[in-house]
Amino acid sequence: MSKTPDLNDGHYALLRVYAYYRTLLSSLLLLMFAFNVAVNILGNEYPALYQNTAVIHTFLNFLTLFLLWWNRFTPKQEQIFLLLFVDVDRLFRAN
């Protein structure tokens, strides 16, 4: 069995699009915080914690995107579930 995923596989292509989305979104939120675009919204109560978390999240998203882009990383079902779970968990905890 090959470690390289089939590029025609719809699930793998969807995961790559999702990785691009996560990377773009986390980068945008980090830039908005860095340039004080949303001063009263992003990182209002704990700015250092928000900044550190956003930097780590953005770095992990770039790493995931890089690994998927080079096709050297065939994600297991558990790893895909973890990506989705983290996003859903953050959405529910934000409210």
Protein backbone atom coordinates (compact mmCIF):
# COMPACT_ATOMS: atom_id res chain seq x y z
CA MET A 1 0.00 0.00 0.00
CA SER A 2 1.40 3.39 -0.99
CA LYS A 3 1.93 6.13 1.57
CA THR A 4 1.19 8.81 -1.01
CA PRO A 5 -2.53 9.59 -1.13
CA ASP A 6 -4.38 9.40 -4.40
CA LEU A 7 -4.83 12.98 -5.59
CA ASN A 8 -8.10 11.99 -7.23
CA ASP A 9 -9.49 10.96 -3.87
CA GLY A 10 -12.26 13.43 -3.04
CA HIS A 11 -11.74 13.17 0.70
CA TYR A 12 -8.06 14.05 0.45
CA ALA A 13 -8.83 17.01 -1.83
CA LEU A 14 -11.47 18.22 0.61
CA LEU A 15 -8.98 17.95 3.47
CA ARG A 16 -6.51 20.10 1.53
CA VAL A 17 -9.17 22.77 0.95
CA TYR A 18 -10.04 22.63 4.64
CA ALA A 19 -6.35 23.07 5.52
CA TYR A 20 -6.15 26.14 3.25
CA TYR A 21 -9.27 27.54 4.91
CA ARG A 22 -7.90 26.99 8.43
CA THR A 23 -4.56 28.56 7.54
CA LEU A 24 -6.15 31.58 5.90
CA LEU A 25 -8.58 32.13 8.75
CA SER A 26 -6.00 31.80 11.53
CA SER A 27 -3.59 34.08 9.66
CA LEU A 28 -6.30 36.67 9.15
CA LEU A 29 -7.26 36.64 12.83
CA LEU A 30 -3.62 36.94 13.86
CA LEU A 31 -3.06 39.87 11.50
CA MET A 32 -6.24 41.59 12.69
CA PHE A 33 -5.02 41.27 16.28
CA ALA A 34 -1.49 42.44 15.43
CA PHE A 35 -2.72 45.57 13.61
CA ASN A 36 -5.47 46.37 16.17
CA VAL A 37 -8.26 46.11 13.60
CA ALA A 38 -10.75 44.75 16.12
CA VAL A 39 -9.47 46.22 19.37
CA ASN A 40 -12.57 45.54 21.48
CA ILE A 41 -13.17 42.05 20.10
CA LEU A 42 -9.98 40.02 19.65
CA GLY A 43 -7.93 39.35 22.77
CA ASN A 44 -9.67 42.02 24.79
CA GLU A 45 -9.39 40.38 28.22
CA TYR A 46 -6.14 38.40 27.90
CA PRO A 47 -4.17 39.81 24.97
CA ALA A 48 -0.95 37.85 25.65
CA LEU A 49 -2.86 34.57 25.89
CA TYR A 50 -4.77 35.33 22.69
CA GLN A 51 -1.59 36.25 20.82
CA ASN A 52 0.30 33.15 21.94
CA THR A 53 -2.61 30.87 21.13
CA ALA A 54 -3.14 32.49 17.73
CA VAL A 55 0.55 32.17 16.85
CA ILE A 56 0.64 28.49 17.83
CA HIS A 57 -2.62 27.76 15.98
CA THR A 58 -1.39 29.54 12.85
CA PHE A 59 1.93 27.71 12.98
CA LEU A 60 0.21 24.33 13.31
CA ASN A 61 -2.08 25.17 10.40
CA PHE A 62 0.88 26.12 8.20
CA LEU A 63 2.61 22.90 9.21
CA THR A 64 -0.45 20.82 8.36
CA LEU A 65 -0.84 22.60 5.05
CA PHE A 66 2.84 22.12 4.23
CA LEU A 67 2.69 18.39 5.00
CA LEU A 68 -0.45 17.94 2.92
CA TRP A 69 0.94 20.03 0.08
CA TRP A 70 4.05 17.93 -0.27
CA ASN A 71 1.95 14.72 -0.17
CA ARG A 72 4.28 13.15 2.34
CA PHE A 73 1.60 12.99 4.97
CA THR A 74 -1.28 10.60 4.66
CA PRO A 75 -3.59 11.54 7.53
CA LYS A 76 -5.26 8.83 9.53
CA GLN A 77 -8.94 9.02 10.33
CA GLU A 78 -8.10 9.95 13.94
CA GLN A 79 -5.98 12.90 12.80
CA ILE A 80 -8.73 14.22 10.56
CA PHE A 81 -11.20 13.83 13.42
CA LEU A 82 -8.85 15.78 15.72
CA LEU A 83 -8.69 18.70 13.25
CA LEU A 84 -12.47 18.87 13.05
CA PHE A 85 -12.95 18.34 16.78
CA VAL A 86 -10.63 21.22 17.69
CA ASP A 87 -12.55 23.60 15.42
CA VAL A 88 -15.97 22.53 16.70
CA ASP A 89 -14.76 22.67 20.30
CA ARG A 90 -13.44 26.22 19.82
CA LEU A 91 -16.76 27.28 18.31
CA PHE A 92 -18.77 26.00 21.28
CA ARG A 93 -16.38 27.38 23.89
CA ALA A 94 -16.38 30.82 22.24
CA ASN A 95 -20.04 31.31 23.14
